[in-house]
Every structure is written in structure tokens, then in C-alpha cells.
Amino acid sequence: MELGTEGYTPKILEKIEYAGANAVSFKQAAMHMKVLGEMEISDKHIQRLTERLGAEREEKRDEDVEKMKAG
């Protein structure tokens, strides 16, 4: 089992990011993680992780676009 950022497995991080990005609020995302993900995580922690992971994806996308433009 490979642990990633914050000591979470990649699969758990994927679930946290999904909940944070798709719930109407980070508080609701925390409730989803408690019920569906069977884990306690604060709404603030979900917010921090979701925003950071989103920024990382955005940076990667921008790098890929620049590479494609460069040929």
C-alpha cells in the first residue's frame, strides 16, 4: 500500500478530492466521507486537500499545453 500526501492512500485522496469537488459544500463533503467513505475528516481539511490537488492538476495541465505548443 503506497501512502501519498498527508498519509492517505491514492484511492482515499481520490475520494476526498471527488467529495470536495462535487458536494455543494466542504461540510457536506465531510458528511459524505463519514457516511460513504467511513472516515472522519474535517471540512477544512477536505477544502485544503481539494484546493491543493486542484492547483496541482491545473499546473500539470498548463505544463502539458506548453509542451504541446512547443512540439
C-alpha atoms as a PDB file:
ATOM      1  CA  MET A   1       0.000   0.000   0.000  1.00  0.00           C
ATOM      2  CA  GLU A   2       1.573   3.251  -1.135  1.00  0.00           C
ATOM      3  CA  LEU A   3       0.787   6.230   1.061  1.00  0.00           C
ATOM      4  CA  GLY A   4       0.683   9.605  -0.577  1.00  0.00           C
ATOM      5  CA  THR A   5       0.061  13.121   0.556  1.00  0.00           C
ATOM      6  CA  GLU A   6      -0.977  13.524   4.178  1.00  0.00           C
ATOM      7  CA  GLY A   7      -0.517   9.788   4.722  1.00  0.00           C
ATOM      8  CA  TYR A   8      -3.601   8.871   2.670  1.00  0.00           C
ATOM      9  CA  THR A   9      -3.591   6.170   0.033  1.00  0.00           C
ATOM     10  CA  PRO A  10      -4.081   7.402  -3.546  1.00  0.00           C
ATOM     11  CA  LYS A  11      -7.583   5.863  -3.557  1.00  0.00           C
ATOM     12  CA  ILE A  12      -8.615   7.732  -0.395  1.00  0.00           C
ATOM     13  CA  LEU A  13      -7.199  11.000  -1.785  1.00  0.00           C
ATOM     14  CA  GLU A  14      -9.244  10.404  -4.931  1.00  0.00           C
ATOM     15  CA  LYS A  15     -12.394  10.006  -2.821  1.00  0.00           C
ATOM     16  CA  ILE A  16     -11.633  13.104  -0.739  1.00  0.00           C
ATOM     17  CA  GLU A  17     -10.990  15.173  -3.857  1.00  0.00           C
ATOM     18  CA  TYR A  18     -14.159  13.887  -5.512  1.00  0.00           C
ATOM     19  CA  ALA A  19     -16.270  14.659  -2.440  1.00  0.00           C
ATOM     20  CA  GLY A  20     -14.719  18.103  -2.086  1.00  0.00           C
ATOM     21  CA  ALA A  21     -15.211  18.986  -5.733  1.00  0.00           C
ATOM     22  CA  ASN A  22     -18.744  17.627  -6.140  1.00  0.00           C
ATOM     23  CA  ALA A  23     -20.565  18.290  -2.889  1.00  0.00           C
ATOM     24  CA  VAL A  24     -22.358  21.629  -2.502  1.00  0.00           C
ATOM     25  CA  SER A  25     -20.059  22.492   0.413  1.00  0.00           C
ATOM     26  CA  PHE A  26     -16.970  21.154   2.137  1.00  0.00           C
ATOM     27  CA  LYS A  27     -19.134  20.500   5.198  1.00  0.00           C
ATOM     28  CA  GLN A  28     -21.363  18.268   3.099  1.00  0.00           C
ATOM     29  CA  ALA A  29     -18.260  16.603   1.620  1.00  0.00           C
ATOM     30  CA  ALA A  30     -17.135  15.763   5.166  1.00  0.00           C
ATOM     31  CA  MET A  31     -20.530  14.181   5.841  1.00  0.00           C
ATOM     32  CA  HIS A  32     -20.254  12.158   2.626  1.00  0.00           C
ATOM     33  CA  MET A  33     -16.811  10.924   3.640  1.00  0.00           C
ATOM     34  CA  LYS A  34     -18.137   9.934   7.063  1.00  0.00           C
ATOM     35  CA  VAL A  35     -21.102   8.001   5.681  1.00  0.00           C
ATOM     36  CA  LEU A  36     -19.794   6.686   2.372  1.00  0.00           C
ATOM     37  CA  GLY A  37     -16.042   6.740   2.919  1.00  0.00           C
ATOM     38  CA  GLU A  38     -16.347   5.537   6.516  1.00  0.00           C
ATOM     39  CA  MET A  39     -13.764   8.053   7.720  1.00  0.00           C
ATOM     40  CA  GLU A  40     -13.784  11.191   9.823  1.00  0.00           C
ATOM     41  CA  ILE A  41     -12.194  14.178   8.115  1.00  0.00           C
ATOM     42  CA  SER A  42     -12.915  17.836   8.765  1.00  0.00           C
ATOM     43  CA  ASP A  43     -14.461  20.103   6.194  1.00  0.00           C
ATOM     44  CA  LYS A  44     -11.413  22.403   6.417  1.00  0.00           C
ATOM     45  CA  HIS A  45      -9.046  19.520   5.731  1.00  0.00           C
ATOM     46  CA  ILE A  46     -11.125  18.465   2.726  1.00  0.00           C
ATOM     47  CA  GLN A  47     -11.034  22.054   1.494  1.00  0.00           C
ATOM     48  CA  ARG A  48      -7.243  22.322   1.822  1.00  0.00           C
ATOM     49  CA  LEU A  49      -6.646  18.999   0.073  1.00  0.00           C
ATOM     50  CA  THR A  50      -9.170  19.644  -2.698  1.00  0.00           C
ATOM     51  CA  GLU A  51      -7.788  23.094  -3.430  1.00  0.00           C
ATOM     52  CA  ARG A  52      -4.180  21.909  -3.401  1.00  0.00           C
ATOM     53  CA  LEU A  53      -4.870  18.891  -5.613  1.00  0.00           C
ATOM     54  CA  GLY A  54      -6.857  21.085  -7.999  1.00  0.00           C
ATOM     55  CA  ALA A  55      -3.963  23.546  -8.222  1.00  0.00           C
ATOM     56  CA  GLU A  56      -1.568  20.668  -8.928  1.00  0.00           C
ATOM     57  CA  ARG A  57      -3.827  19.407 -11.726  1.00  0.00           C
ATOM     58  CA  GLU A  58      -4.052  22.923 -13.159  1.00  0.00           C
ATOM     59  CA  GLU A  59      -0.251  23.282 -13.128  1.00  0.00           C
ATOM     60  CA  LYS A  60       0.184  19.900 -14.829  1.00  0.00           C
ATOM     61  CA  ARG A  61      -2.377  20.844 -17.472  1.00  0.00           C
ATOM     62  CA  ASP A  62      -0.575  24.126 -18.173  1.00  0.00           C
ATOM     63  CA  GLU A  63       2.761  22.308 -18.489  1.00  0.00           C
ATOM     64  CA  ASP A  64       1.215  19.803 -20.909  1.00  0.00           C
ATOM     65  CA  VAL A  65      -0.230  22.632 -23.023  1.00  0.00           C
ATOM     66  CA  GLU A  66       3.162  24.342 -23.205  1.00  0.00           C
ATOM     67  CA  LYS A  67       4.840  21.072 -24.209  1.00  0.00           C
ATOM     68  CA  MET A  68       2.258  20.538 -26.921  1.00  0.00           C
ATOM     69  CA  LYS A  69       2.731  24.081 -28.231  1.00  0.00           C
ATOM     70  CA  ALA A  70       6.497  23.563 -28.281  1.00  0.00           C
ATOM     71  CA  GLY A  71       6.038  20.438 -30.334  1.00  0.00           C
END
